[in-house]
N, C-alpha and C. Protein backbone atom coordinates (compact mmCIF):
# COMPACT_ATOMS: atom_id res chain seq x y z
N MET A 1 12.50 18.84 -3.67
CA MET A 1 12.75 20.22 -3.55
C MET A 1 12.11 21.02 -4.69
N GLU A 2 11.59 22.26 -4.34
CA GLU A 2 10.61 22.94 -5.25
C GLU A 2 11.27 24.30 -5.39
N ARG A 3 11.57 24.67 -6.61
CA ARG A 3 12.15 26.06 -6.90
C ARG A 3 10.96 26.90 -7.22
N ILE A 4 10.85 27.99 -6.51
CA ILE A 4 9.62 28.78 -6.73
C ILE A 4 10.05 30.21 -7.32
N ASN A 5 9.45 30.59 -8.36
CA ASN A 5 9.80 31.83 -9.16
C ASN A 5 8.53 32.36 -9.61
N PRO A 6 7.87 33.12 -8.75
CA PRO A 6 6.56 33.71 -9.01
C PRO A 6 6.81 34.76 -10.24
N PRO A 7 5.94 34.82 -11.10
CA PRO A 7 5.94 35.88 -12.17
C PRO A 7 5.95 37.30 -11.72
N GLU A 8 5.40 37.52 -10.68
CA GLU A 8 5.28 38.82 -10.11
C GLU A 8 6.76 39.48 -9.93
N LEU A 9 7.70 38.64 -9.62
CA LEU A 9 9.07 39.00 -9.27
C LEU A 9 10.08 39.10 -10.40
N GLY A 10 9.55 38.79 -11.59
CA GLY A 10 10.34 38.78 -12.68
C GLY A 10 11.20 37.53 -12.93
N ARG A 11 11.62 37.23 -14.17
CA ARG A 11 12.43 36.02 -14.44
C ARG A 11 13.66 36.16 -13.79
N PRO A 12 14.14 35.03 -12.95
CA PRO A 12 15.45 35.06 -12.51
C PRO A 12 16.54 34.58 -13.40
N SER A 13 17.71 34.96 -13.30
CA SER A 13 18.81 34.60 -14.07
C SER A 13 19.84 34.20 -13.19
N GLY A 14 20.15 32.88 -13.12
CA GLY A 14 21.20 32.44 -12.40
C GLY A 14 20.85 32.20 -10.82
N PHE A 15 19.70 32.20 -10.53
CA PHE A 15 19.27 32.03 -9.07
C PHE A 15 17.75 31.80 -9.15
N SER A 16 17.14 31.30 -8.00
CA SER A 16 15.82 31.14 -7.78
C SER A 16 15.26 32.19 -6.71
N HIS A 17 14.15 32.44 -6.80
CA HIS A 17 13.76 33.51 -5.77
C HIS A 17 13.38 32.78 -4.52
N ALA A 18 12.99 31.67 -4.57
CA ALA A 18 12.76 30.90 -3.22
C ALA A 18 12.92 29.41 -3.50
N VAL A 19 13.16 28.56 -2.44
CA VAL A 19 13.36 27.17 -2.66
C VAL A 19 12.78 26.51 -1.32
N SER A 20 11.89 25.55 -1.65
CA SER A 20 11.15 24.76 -0.46
C SER A 20 11.72 23.36 -0.56
N ALA A 21 12.13 22.86 0.65
CA ALA A 21 12.76 21.49 0.77
C ALA A 21 12.44 20.95 2.07
N THR A 22 12.45 19.59 2.00
CA THR A 22 12.32 18.78 3.27
C THR A 22 13.37 17.74 3.28
N GLY A 23 13.77 17.44 4.39
CA GLY A 23 14.99 16.57 4.45
C GLY A 23 16.14 16.85 5.40
N GLN A 24 17.31 16.25 5.31
CA GLN A 24 18.41 16.46 6.19
C GLN A 24 19.19 17.76 5.72
N PHE A 25 19.32 18.71 6.63
CA PHE A 25 19.96 19.95 6.34
C PHE A 25 21.59 19.79 6.35
N VAL A 26 22.33 20.35 5.43
CA VAL A 26 23.67 20.26 5.46
C VAL A 26 24.17 21.75 5.26
N PHE A 27 24.74 22.31 6.45
CA PHE A 27 25.27 23.64 6.34
C PHE A 27 26.69 23.67 5.92
N LEU A 28 27.00 24.45 4.98
CA LEU A 28 28.29 24.43 4.12
C LEU A 28 29.11 25.80 4.50
N ALA A 29 30.12 25.59 5.19
CA ALA A 29 31.05 26.53 5.57
C ALA A 29 31.55 27.44 4.28
N GLY A 30 31.84 28.62 4.61
CA GLY A 30 32.37 29.55 3.50
C GLY A 30 33.67 28.97 2.88
N GLN A 31 33.72 29.04 1.58
CA GLN A 31 34.81 28.44 0.93
C GLN A 31 35.50 29.44 0.00
N THR A 32 36.87 29.72 -0.05
CA THR A 32 37.39 30.61 -0.96
C THR A 32 38.25 29.61 -1.79
N ALA A 33 39.23 30.21 -2.48
CA ALA A 33 39.92 29.46 -3.56
C ALA A 33 41.16 28.89 -3.08
N LEU A 34 41.09 28.26 -1.73
CA LEU A 34 42.18 27.64 -1.23
C LEU A 34 42.33 26.21 -1.87
N ASP A 35 43.57 25.84 -1.91
CA ASP A 35 43.89 24.47 -2.54
C ASP A 35 44.08 23.55 -1.25
N ALA A 36 44.47 22.38 -1.53
CA ALA A 36 44.65 21.43 -0.52
C ALA A 36 45.86 21.68 0.44
N GLU A 37 46.81 22.58 -0.03
CA GLU A 37 47.85 23.03 0.88
C GLU A 37 47.59 24.26 1.64
N GLY A 38 46.35 24.88 1.45
CA GLY A 38 45.92 26.14 2.08
C GLY A 38 46.34 27.32 1.55
N LYS A 39 46.61 27.31 0.28
CA LYS A 39 47.08 28.62 -0.55
C LYS A 39 45.99 28.99 -1.54
N ILE A 40 45.71 30.22 -1.60
CA ILE A 40 44.90 30.83 -2.62
C ILE A 40 45.37 30.54 -3.96
N VAL A 41 44.51 30.07 -4.91
CA VAL A 41 44.84 29.67 -6.18
C VAL A 41 44.05 30.44 -7.17
N GLY A 42 44.41 30.78 -8.32
CA GLY A 42 43.61 31.22 -9.33
C GLY A 42 43.78 32.68 -9.58
N GLU A 43 44.02 33.00 -10.88
CA GLU A 43 44.23 34.34 -11.26
C GLU A 43 42.93 34.92 -11.69
N GLY A 44 42.31 35.91 -10.90
CA GLY A 44 41.11 36.54 -11.24
C GLY A 44 39.91 35.88 -10.63
N VAL A 45 38.82 36.66 -10.76
CA VAL A 45 37.54 36.15 -10.02
C VAL A 45 36.98 34.96 -10.59
N VAL A 46 36.92 34.67 -11.86
CA VAL A 46 36.40 33.49 -12.47
C VAL A 46 37.15 32.20 -12.06
N ALA A 47 38.53 32.18 -12.14
CA ALA A 47 39.23 31.08 -11.49
C ALA A 47 39.07 30.86 -10.05
N GLN A 48 39.05 31.92 -9.36
CA GLN A 48 38.77 31.73 -7.90
C GLN A 48 37.40 31.32 -7.51
N PHE A 49 36.38 31.79 -8.33
CA PHE A 49 34.99 31.33 -8.18
C PHE A 49 34.92 29.76 -8.43
N GLU A 50 35.57 29.35 -9.53
CA GLU A 50 35.73 27.96 -9.90
C GLU A 50 36.26 27.10 -8.69
N GLN A 51 37.33 27.51 -8.21
CA GLN A 51 38.01 26.83 -7.00
C GLN A 51 37.19 26.83 -5.83
N ALA A 52 36.65 28.07 -5.39
CA ALA A 52 35.87 28.11 -4.29
C ALA A 52 34.55 27.43 -4.33
N PHE A 53 33.84 27.48 -5.50
CA PHE A 53 32.59 26.79 -5.64
C PHE A 53 33.00 25.18 -5.65
N GLY A 54 33.96 24.85 -6.38
CA GLY A 54 34.40 23.38 -6.38
C GLY A 54 34.76 22.85 -4.91
N ASN A 55 35.30 23.70 -4.08
CA ASN A 55 35.42 23.28 -2.66
C ASN A 55 34.20 23.26 -2.02
N LEU A 56 33.28 24.06 -2.24
CA LEU A 56 31.96 23.91 -1.52
C LEU A 56 31.24 22.75 -2.10
N LEU A 57 31.41 22.29 -3.30
CA LEU A 57 30.80 21.15 -3.83
C LEU A 57 31.51 19.90 -3.27
N THR A 58 32.65 19.97 -3.01
CA THR A 58 33.42 18.77 -2.53
C THR A 58 33.03 18.44 -1.03
N ALA A 59 32.75 19.53 -0.29
CA ALA A 59 32.23 19.41 1.09
C ALA A 59 30.84 18.84 0.98
N LEU A 60 29.94 19.34 0.06
CA LEU A 60 28.65 18.78 -0.06
C LEU A 60 28.58 17.40 -0.46
N ARG A 61 29.44 16.97 -1.28
CA ARG A 61 29.50 15.61 -1.74
C ARG A 61 30.00 14.70 -0.63
N ALA A 62 30.86 15.16 0.25
CA ALA A 62 31.55 14.47 1.28
C ALA A 62 30.32 14.19 2.36
N ALA A 63 29.24 15.14 2.38
CA ALA A 63 28.06 14.92 3.21
C ALA A 63 27.05 14.18 2.74
N GLY A 64 27.32 13.69 1.45
CA GLY A 64 26.19 12.88 0.84
C GLY A 64 25.38 13.48 -0.20
N GLY A 65 25.66 14.84 -0.51
CA GLY A 65 24.77 15.48 -1.36
C GLY A 65 25.37 15.83 -2.78
N GLU A 66 24.47 16.45 -3.53
CA GLU A 66 24.77 16.80 -4.99
C GLU A 66 24.45 18.15 -5.29
N PRO A 67 25.05 18.82 -6.23
CA PRO A 67 24.79 20.22 -6.55
C PRO A 67 23.16 20.45 -6.49
N THR A 68 22.41 19.63 -7.03
CA THR A 68 20.90 20.02 -7.09
C THR A 68 20.32 19.94 -5.73
N ASP A 69 21.00 19.63 -4.71
CA ASP A 69 20.52 19.67 -3.20
C ASP A 69 20.79 20.98 -2.63
N LEU A 70 21.50 21.98 -3.37
CA LEU A 70 21.75 23.31 -2.65
C LEU A 70 20.43 24.12 -2.68
N CYS A 71 20.09 24.61 -1.55
CA CYS A 71 18.92 25.40 -1.30
C CYS A 71 19.16 26.88 -1.34
N SER A 72 20.34 27.11 -0.83
CA SER A 72 20.67 28.59 -0.60
C SER A 72 22.22 28.72 -0.74
N LEU A 73 22.61 29.87 -1.46
CA LEU A 73 24.07 30.13 -1.57
C LEU A 73 24.32 31.59 -1.38
N THR A 74 25.20 32.10 -0.68
CA THR A 74 25.65 33.31 -0.62
C THR A 74 27.03 33.61 -1.17
N VAL A 75 27.33 34.49 -1.95
CA VAL A 75 28.66 34.74 -2.68
C VAL A 75 29.16 36.15 -2.15
N TYR A 76 30.13 36.08 -1.56
CA TYR A 76 30.92 37.31 -0.91
C TYR A 76 31.97 37.73 -1.86
N ILE A 77 31.75 39.00 -2.38
CA ILE A 77 32.56 39.46 -3.53
C ILE A 77 33.41 40.74 -3.20
N VAL A 78 34.73 40.50 -3.37
CA VAL A 78 35.46 41.82 -2.98
C VAL A 78 35.33 42.89 -3.97
N ASP A 79 35.29 42.64 -5.29
CA ASP A 79 35.13 43.67 -6.40
C ASP A 79 33.86 43.32 -7.03
N MET A 80 32.76 43.91 -6.80
CA MET A 80 31.54 43.66 -7.31
C MET A 80 31.46 44.14 -8.89
N ASP A 81 32.16 45.08 -9.21
CA ASP A 81 32.09 45.54 -10.68
C ASP A 81 32.90 44.29 -11.58
N ASP A 82 34.02 43.92 -11.15
CA ASP A 82 34.80 42.92 -11.60
C ASP A 82 33.97 41.58 -11.80
N TYR A 83 33.36 41.30 -10.78
CA TYR A 83 32.30 40.14 -10.75
C TYR A 83 31.29 40.18 -11.65
N LYS A 84 30.65 41.22 -11.76
CA LYS A 84 29.60 41.53 -12.76
C LYS A 84 30.11 41.55 -14.13
N ALA A 85 31.30 42.01 -14.47
CA ALA A 85 31.79 42.01 -15.78
C ALA A 85 32.17 40.74 -16.17
N HIS A 86 32.32 39.65 -15.30
CA HIS A 86 32.57 38.27 -15.60
C HIS A 86 31.50 37.33 -15.34
N ALA A 87 30.38 37.79 -15.23
CA ALA A 87 29.02 37.06 -14.89
C ALA A 87 28.83 36.07 -15.78
N ARG A 88 29.06 36.18 -17.03
CA ARG A 88 28.69 35.12 -18.02
C ARG A 88 29.80 33.95 -17.90
N GLU A 89 31.03 34.29 -17.69
CA GLU A 89 32.16 33.26 -17.50
C GLU A 89 31.73 32.53 -16.17
N ILE A 90 31.36 33.16 -15.26
CA ILE A 90 31.06 32.56 -13.88
C ILE A 90 29.92 31.62 -14.09
N GLY A 91 28.93 32.08 -14.82
CA GLY A 91 27.64 31.27 -15.26
C GLY A 91 28.02 30.03 -15.88
N LYS A 92 28.99 30.15 -16.74
CA LYS A 92 29.48 28.93 -17.33
C LYS A 92 30.14 27.93 -16.52
N VAL A 93 30.93 28.64 -15.57
CA VAL A 93 31.59 27.56 -14.56
C VAL A 93 30.46 26.87 -13.68
N TRP A 94 29.50 27.73 -13.32
CA TRP A 94 28.25 27.17 -12.57
C TRP A 94 27.63 26.03 -13.28
N LYS A 95 27.51 26.27 -14.54
CA LYS A 95 26.65 25.14 -15.31
C LYS A 95 27.56 23.94 -15.54
N ARG A 96 28.85 24.21 -15.56
CA ARG A 96 29.84 22.90 -15.80
C ARG A 96 29.75 22.13 -14.48
N LEU A 97 29.81 22.80 -13.43
CA LEU A 97 30.02 22.16 -12.14
C LEU A 97 28.70 21.65 -11.37
N ALA A 98 27.68 22.46 -11.71
CA ALA A 98 26.34 22.07 -11.03
C ALA A 98 25.15 21.99 -11.78
N GLY A 99 25.18 22.34 -13.21
CA GLY A 99 24.07 22.23 -13.93
C GLY A 99 23.19 23.31 -14.10
N THR A 100 21.98 23.33 -14.35
CA THR A 100 21.12 24.52 -14.58
C THR A 100 19.98 24.73 -13.44
N GLU A 101 20.11 24.00 -12.41
CA GLU A 101 19.26 24.28 -11.31
C GLU A 101 19.97 25.13 -10.34
N TYR A 102 19.29 26.33 -9.91
CA TYR A 102 19.82 27.21 -9.11
C TYR A 102 19.14 27.35 -7.68
N PRO A 103 19.87 27.50 -6.71
CA PRO A 103 19.36 27.77 -5.30
C PRO A 103 18.97 29.30 -5.11
N ALA A 104 18.44 29.64 -4.15
CA ALA A 104 18.17 30.94 -3.74
C ALA A 104 19.50 31.52 -3.51
N MET A 105 19.78 32.75 -3.95
CA MET A 105 21.14 33.18 -3.86
C MET A 105 21.30 34.66 -3.58
N ALA A 106 22.24 35.14 -3.07
CA ALA A 106 22.69 36.45 -2.82
C ALA A 106 24.18 36.74 -3.07
N GLY A 107 24.47 37.85 -3.66
CA GLY A 107 25.72 38.28 -3.76
C GLY A 107 25.99 39.65 -3.06
N ILE A 108 26.92 39.54 -2.04
CA ILE A 108 27.30 40.70 -1.10
C ILE A 108 28.64 41.13 -1.26
N GLY A 109 28.74 42.40 -1.51
CA GLY A 109 30.01 43.01 -1.76
C GLY A 109 30.74 43.43 -0.38
N VAL A 110 31.93 42.90 -0.15
CA VAL A 110 32.72 43.11 1.11
C VAL A 110 34.07 43.73 0.72
N SER A 111 34.69 44.34 1.79
CA SER A 111 35.82 45.10 1.59
C SER A 111 37.05 44.16 1.45
N ARG A 112 37.04 42.97 2.16
CA ARG A 112 38.00 42.01 2.04
C ARG A 112 37.50 40.75 2.63
N LEU A 113 38.21 39.68 2.46
CA LEU A 113 37.84 38.21 2.90
C LEU A 113 39.15 37.95 3.94
N TRP A 114 38.92 36.80 4.70
CA TRP A 114 40.04 36.30 5.57
C TRP A 114 41.36 36.33 4.95
N ASP A 115 41.36 35.71 3.85
CA ASP A 115 42.75 35.65 3.12
C ASP A 115 42.80 37.12 2.18
N VAL A 116 43.72 37.74 2.33
CA VAL A 116 43.70 39.03 1.57
C VAL A 116 43.64 38.79 0.11
N GLU A 117 44.24 37.77 -0.32
CA GLU A 117 44.33 37.37 -1.88
C GLU A 117 43.00 36.94 -2.33
N ALA A 118 42.10 36.37 -1.46
CA ALA A 118 40.85 36.01 -1.81
C ALA A 118 39.87 36.88 -2.52
N LEU A 119 39.32 36.77 -3.65
CA LEU A 119 38.40 37.62 -4.34
C LEU A 119 37.07 37.35 -4.16
N VAL A 120 36.67 36.09 -3.74
CA VAL A 120 35.31 35.48 -3.65
C VAL A 120 35.19 34.44 -2.76
N GLU A 121 34.13 34.41 -1.96
CA GLU A 121 33.87 33.31 -1.00
C GLU A 121 32.47 32.88 -1.18
N VAL A 122 32.11 31.58 -1.23
CA VAL A 122 30.68 31.06 -1.19
C VAL A 122 30.44 30.25 -0.03
N GLN A 123 29.32 30.34 0.47
CA GLN A 123 28.70 29.66 1.62
C GLN A 123 27.29 29.33 1.44
N GLY A 124 26.90 28.19 1.84
CA GLY A 124 25.39 27.85 1.59
C GLY A 124 24.94 26.78 2.57
N PHE A 125 23.60 26.27 2.24
CA PHE A 125 23.19 25.02 2.86
C PHE A 125 22.40 24.27 1.81
N ALA A 126 22.47 22.96 2.02
CA ALA A 126 21.69 22.09 1.17
C ALA A 126 20.62 21.30 1.96
N VAL A 127 19.68 20.82 1.34
CA VAL A 127 18.87 19.71 1.99
C VAL A 127 18.76 18.50 1.30
N LEU A 128 19.22 17.37 1.84
CA LEU A 128 19.34 16.03 1.38
C LEU A 128 17.88 15.33 1.56
N SER A 129 17.39 14.80 0.38
CA SER A 129 16.01 14.01 0.58
C SER A 129 16.17 12.75 1.12
N ARG A 130 17.37 12.20 1.19
CA ARG A 130 17.47 10.85 1.66
C ARG A 130 17.73 10.74 3.26
């Protein structure tokens, strides 16, 4: 996997501009802060991001992958201002769960998610080299 960040696009922070990979694709369904009982957990966007991203990584690991195999990730955000205000804390969660390699990413503001209590949803795909 190669993370591509051309200097003409400026230094990325918390994402890569492009990722090139060859291998087995794993498409990861959108994950919110649902616990094993199907209830949204976590007070605030940081706690919900941690649960949602953790759920996505659980699915990825079950498919035989690791966080460094993520090629692309989309974050759907109910309150963009709140998410941006907590960006550093969310970045710390990312580093604790996934390290310092980042996939190509997008953050998209939405009016609501499937579960009305959900503040964030993450969806992505990975490429396994094995």
